[in-house]
Amino acid sequence: MPPFLAYEDKDPGTSTRVPLVLVHGHPFDRTMWYPQLTEFSAGRRVIVPDLRGYGASPVTPGTVPLSRHAQDIADLLRFLEVDTFVLAGLSMGGQIAMECYERFGDRVRGLVLADTFPAVETPEGKRGRNAMADRLLADGMRGYADEVLEKMVAPYAHPDVKDHVHRMMTATSPEGAAAALRGRAERPDYRHLLTTVRVPALVVVGADDTYTPVSDAEAMHAALPDSRLHVIEGAAHLPNLERPAEFNRVLADFLARLDG
């Protein structure tokens, strides 16, 4: 059966390098990872899905929990016959990566957590996510995108980066974004899970990220048994787009360790 998710699979053929799976955040799509797809697909298999409700993947109205996103990724990798891989996620994608590790961590060779956090949602946070879901369904994505653009990327980000991020947000289905927000509001607490991770991990964060500040990254780094922390100066919530050369260098060093 064909996979539910739209995706790109850059498969170079025979390669000893571990495949890389990239999970985007909210409210974006797989083009969020374009600088990494371009950089790492020379000699390495790179798989980049559009999550359920985002990009070219079908929309499921209502509530889509992180467990559903994780199962979608598992189903896609089974279809593509990818047994083991490095799993990287940013923001909501990082939380989905944690959920994936909870469910099929024996297949994960390395974990990359970028601009994300593991804690359960607070009561205030639940109310806020559900209120935002209501707003997106009523008003669409553009007003929200205008408001948060310079928190997603730093105000000083390159105009082309701002345009790309704004375009992704306004192209997202309000129904898909709302369903993910409602599901994310009910996510479990992954803090204990991090202490049980048995593979190398890389924690990356933009120095000027206000959604998931450096302190969150430091706490994850402290909890993970085998991790490296890298703070990217001159970036906010999307350092892979704002400072792609530095992000790629750090990720390349991490992957080289796993390939070895």
Protein backbone atom coordinates (compact mmCIF):
# COMPACT_ATOMS: atom_id res chain seq x y z
CA MET A 1 0.00 0.00 0.00
CA PRO A 2 1.39 3.46 -0.87
CA PRO A 3 2.33 5.62 2.13
CA PHE A 4 -0.13 8.15 3.53
CA LEU A 5 2.47 10.92 3.65
CA ALA A 6 3.92 12.94 0.80
CA TYR A 7 7.70 12.80 0.96
CA GLU A 8 11.04 13.16 -0.77
CA ASP A 9 13.45 10.24 -0.76
CA LYS A 10 16.92 11.11 -1.96
CA ASP A 11 18.41 7.64 -2.29
CA PRO A 12 21.92 7.56 -3.77
CA GLY A 13 21.87 3.78 -4.06
CA THR A 14 24.53 1.69 -2.37
CA SER A 15 25.94 3.64 0.57
CA THR A 16 27.47 2.72 3.91
CA ARG A 17 26.26 5.98 5.43
CA VAL A 18 23.32 5.83 7.81
CA PRO A 19 20.08 7.26 6.32
CA LEU A 20 18.83 10.59 7.65
CA VAL A 21 15.14 11.28 8.36
CA LEU A 22 14.13 14.93 8.85
CA VAL A 23 10.86 15.89 10.58
CA HIS A 24 9.61 19.45 10.11
CA GLY A 25 7.91 21.69 12.65
CA HIS A 26 4.60 23.58 12.81
CA PRO A 27 3.26 25.16 10.67
CA PHE A 28 5.73 24.27 7.94
CA ASP A 29 6.37 21.55 5.38
CA ARG A 30 9.27 19.48 4.12
CA THR A 31 10.80 22.42 2.23
CA MET A 32 11.89 23.66 5.67
CA TRP A 33 14.73 21.17 5.30
CA TYR A 34 15.83 22.19 1.80
CA PRO A 35 19.35 23.31 2.85
CA GLN A 36 19.91 19.99 4.60
CA LEU A 37 18.38 17.90 1.81
CA THR A 38 20.69 19.60 -0.67
CA GLU A 39 23.76 19.23 1.55
CA PHE A 40 23.43 15.66 2.73
CA SER A 41 21.84 13.80 -0.18
CA ALA A 42 25.19 13.48 -1.95
CA GLY A 43 26.14 9.97 -0.89
CA ARG A 44 23.54 9.58 1.87
CA ARG A 45 19.90 8.61 1.77
CA VAL A 46 17.78 11.51 3.07
CA ILE A 47 14.04 11.12 3.66
CA VAL A 48 11.87 14.17 4.29
CA PRO A 49 8.11 13.73 4.80
CA ASP A 50 5.30 16.25 4.91
CA LEU A 51 3.51 15.52 8.17
CA ARG A 52 -0.19 14.69 8.16
CA GLY A 53 -2.09 17.95 7.56
CA TYR A 54 0.93 19.81 6.16
CA GLY A 55 2.41 20.38 2.72
CA ALA A 56 1.17 17.86 0.17
CA SER A 57 0.04 15.26 2.73
CA PRO A 58 -3.69 14.71 3.34
CA VAL A 59 -5.50 16.61 6.09
CA THR A 60 -7.20 14.86 8.98
CA PRO A 61 -9.59 17.29 10.72
CA GLY A 62 -10.21 17.25 14.44
CA THR A 63 -7.25 16.17 16.56
CA VAL A 64 -4.02 14.52 15.40
CA PRO A 65 -1.88 13.40 18.36
CA LEU A 66 1.89 13.10 18.16
CA SER A 67 1.47 9.33 18.29
CA ARG A 68 -0.36 9.48 14.94
CA HIS A 69 2.48 11.45 13.39
CA ALA A 70 4.97 8.92 14.76
CA GLN A 71 2.97 6.01 13.33
CA ASP A 72 2.83 7.76 9.94
CA ILE A 73 6.63 8.01 9.95
CA ALA A 74 6.99 4.38 10.96
CA ASP A 75 4.65 3.34 8.14
CA LEU A 76 6.58 5.44 5.61
CA LEU A 77 9.94 3.99 6.63
CA ARG A 78 8.52 0.47 6.49
CA PHE A 79 7.25 1.18 2.96
CA LEU A 80 10.68 2.51 1.98
CA GLU A 81 12.38 -0.49 3.63
CA VAL A 82 14.54 1.70 5.86
CA ASP A 83 15.50 -0.34 8.90
CA THR A 84 17.80 1.98 10.88
CA PHE A 85 18.33 5.72 10.56
CA VAL A 86 19.27 8.98 12.22
CA LEU A 87 16.14 10.87 13.23
CA ALA A 88 16.16 14.66 13.34
CA GLY A 89 13.25 16.91 14.31
CA LEU A 90 12.80 20.62 14.91
CA SER A 91 10.23 22.13 17.31
CA MET A 92 7.07 20.01 17.01
CA GLY A 93 9.18 17.74 14.81
CA GLY A 94 11.53 17.26 17.75
CA GLN A 95 8.65 16.19 19.94
CA ILE A 96 7.52 13.79 17.23
CA ALA A 97 11.09 12.44 17.11
CA MET A 98 10.90 11.80 20.86
CA GLU A 99 7.59 10.00 20.37
CA CYS A 100 9.20 7.92 17.61
CA TYR A 101 12.06 6.99 19.93
CA GLU A 102 9.53 5.95 22.56
CA ARG A 103 7.81 3.67 20.05
CA PHE A 104 10.62 2.28 17.88
CA GLY A 105 13.85 3.51 19.40
CA ASP A 106 15.60 0.23 18.56
CA ARG A 107 15.70 1.42 14.94
CA VAL A 108 17.13 4.88 15.73
CA ARG A 109 20.93 5.16 15.40
CA GLY A 110 21.11 8.81 16.45
CA LEU A 111 18.74 11.54 17.60
CA VAL A 112 18.85 15.23 16.65
CA LEU A 113 16.64 17.57 18.67
CA ALA A 114 16.57 21.13 17.38
CA ASP A 115 14.73 24.06 18.99
CA THR A 116 12.33 21.83 20.89
CA PHE A 117 11.47 20.84 24.46
CA PRO A 118 10.26 17.66 26.16
CA ALA A 119 7.91 18.84 28.90
CA VAL A 120 4.18 18.13 29.02
CA GLU A 121 1.89 21.03 28.16
CA THR A 122 0.78 23.29 31.00
CA PRO A 123 -2.94 24.01 31.55
CA GLU A 124 -2.35 27.52 30.23
CA GLY A 125 -0.52 26.11 27.23
CA LYS A 126 -3.38 23.72 26.48
CA ARG A 127 -5.85 26.59 26.52
CA GLY A 128 -3.59 28.65 24.29
CA ARG A 129 -3.09 25.90 21.69
CA ASN A 130 -6.80 25.13 21.53
CA ALA A 131 -7.67 28.82 21.25
CA MET A 132 -5.16 29.19 18.43
CA ALA A 133 -6.67 26.17 16.68
CA ASP A 134 -10.09 27.85 16.88
CA ARG A 135 -8.62 31.06 15.51
CA LEU A 136 -6.90 29.37 12.57
CA LEU A 137 -10.13 27.61 11.61
CA ALA A 138 -12.06 30.88 11.79
CA ASP A 139 -9.56 33.29 10.25
CA GLY A 140 -7.03 31.27 8.26
CA MET A 141 -3.24 31.31 8.45
CA ARG A 142 -2.19 34.74 7.15
CA GLY A 143 -2.77 36.88 10.24
CA TYR A 144 -1.03 34.33 12.42
CA ALA A 145 1.86 34.09 9.98
CA ASP A 146 2.28 37.86 9.94
CA GLU A 147 2.32 37.98 13.75
CA VAL A 148 4.83 35.23 14.45
CA LEU A 149 7.20 35.54 11.49
CA GLU A 150 9.85 37.45 13.44
CA LYS A 151 9.70 34.93 16.27
CA MET A 152 10.04 31.96 13.95
CA VAL A 153 13.11 33.62 12.45
CA ALA A 154 15.02 36.52 13.94
CA PRO A 155 14.02 40.05 12.88
CA TYR A 156 17.46 40.41 11.28
CA ALA A 157 17.11 37.21 9.19
CA HIS A 158 17.73 37.42 5.46
CA PRO A 159 14.61 38.56 3.53
CA ASP A 160 14.69 35.40 1.40
CA VAL A 161 14.52 33.27 4.54
CA LYS A 162 11.64 35.34 5.89
CA ASP A 163 9.80 34.99 2.59
CA HIS A 164 10.27 31.20 2.58
CA VAL A 165 9.03 30.83 6.15
CA HIS A 166 6.04 33.10 5.60
CA ARG A 167 5.16 31.21 2.41
CA MET A 168 5.22 27.86 4.21
CA MET A 169 2.98 29.15 6.99
CA THR A 170 0.38 30.75 4.71
CA ALA A 171 0.29 27.66 2.47
CA THR A 172 -0.52 25.36 5.39
CA SER A 173 -4.08 24.06 5.71
CA PRO A 174 -5.82 25.69 8.69
CA GLU A 175 -7.59 22.38 9.36
CA GLY A 176 -4.30 20.50 9.38
CA ALA A 177 -2.57 23.05 11.60
CA ALA A 178 -5.50 23.16 14.03
CA ALA A 179 -5.64 19.35 14.31
CA ALA A 180 -1.93 19.21 15.08
CA LEU A 181 -2.21 21.98 17.67
CA ARG A 182 -5.00 20.13 19.48
CA GLY A 183 -2.99 16.91 19.43
CA ARG A 184 0.17 18.63 20.61
CA ALA A 185 -1.72 20.15 23.53
CA GLU A 186 -2.27 16.60 24.84
CA ARG A 187 1.28 15.33 24.36
CA PRO A 188 2.96 13.24 27.06
CA ASP A 189 5.97 14.27 29.13
CA TYR A 190 9.20 13.14 27.43
CA ARG A 191 11.62 14.28 30.13
CA HIS A 192 12.12 10.83 31.62
CA LEU A 193 12.39 9.31 28.14
CA LEU A 194 15.45 11.45 27.44
CA THR A 195 17.30 9.88 30.35
CA THR A 196 16.80 6.44 28.75
CA VAL A 197 18.05 7.27 25.25
CA ARG A 198 20.76 4.74 24.37
CA VAL A 199 22.10 6.38 21.20
CA PRO A 200 24.17 9.52 20.60
CA ALA A 201 22.15 12.72 20.49
CA LEU A 202 22.73 16.22 19.16
CA VAL A 203 20.87 19.17 20.69
CA VAL A 204 20.84 22.35 18.60
CA VAL A 205 19.20 25.70 19.35
CA GLY A 206 19.23 29.22 17.99
CA ALA A 207 20.70 31.66 20.50
CA ASP A 208 17.79 34.07 20.02
CA ASP A 209 15.00 31.48 20.08
CA THR A 210 12.19 32.73 22.33
CA TYR A 211 9.87 29.75 21.75
CA THR A 212 12.40 27.18 22.99
CA PRO A 213 15.20 29.13 24.65
CA VAL A 214 18.75 27.98 25.23
CA SER A 215 17.83 26.94 28.78
CA ASP A 216 15.48 24.28 27.37
CA ALA A 217 18.28 22.92 25.19
CA GLU A 218 20.67 22.88 28.14
CA ALA A 219 18.17 20.87 30.19
CA MET A 220 17.77 18.30 27.39
CA HIS A 221 21.54 18.07 27.01
CA ALA A 222 21.87 17.44 30.74
CA ALA A 223 19.19 14.71 30.67
CA LEU A 224 20.52 12.81 27.65
CA PRO A 225 23.21 10.24 28.57
CA ASP A 226 25.33 10.86 25.44
CA SER A 227 24.73 14.23 23.83
CA ARG A 228 26.39 17.28 22.38
CA LEU A 229 24.88 20.76 22.66
CA HIS A 230 25.44 23.44 20.04
CA VAL A 231 24.06 26.98 20.27
CA ILE A 232 23.89 28.81 16.93
CA GLU A 233 24.44 32.53 17.24
CA GLY A 234 22.51 34.84 14.94
CA ALA A 235 19.46 32.60 14.74
CA ALA A 236 16.06 32.21 16.39
CA HIS A 237 13.67 29.23 16.08
CA LEU A 238 14.81 27.96 12.65
CA PRO A 239 18.62 27.90 12.69
CA ASN A 240 18.70 25.30 9.91
CA LEU A 241 17.32 28.01 7.58
CA GLU A 242 18.78 31.10 9.23
CA ARG A 243 22.34 29.77 9.55
CA PRO A 244 22.38 26.71 7.29
CA ALA A 245 26.15 26.49 6.87
CA GLU A 246 26.76 26.25 10.61
CA PHE A 247 23.79 23.94 11.18
CA ASN A 248 25.01 21.66 8.39
CA ARG A 249 28.57 21.61 9.72
CA VAL A 250 27.42 20.56 13.19
CA LEU A 251 25.07 17.94 11.77
CA ALA A 252 27.79 16.64 9.44
CA ASP A 253 30.16 16.14 12.38
CA PHE A 254 27.46 14.23 14.25
CA LEU A 255 26.65 12.03 11.26
CA ALA A 256 30.34 11.28 10.65
CA ARG A 257 30.56 9.87 14.17
CA LEU A 258 27.60 7.58 13.51
CA ASP A 259 28.86 6.53 10.09
CA GLY A 260 32.14 5.53 11.68
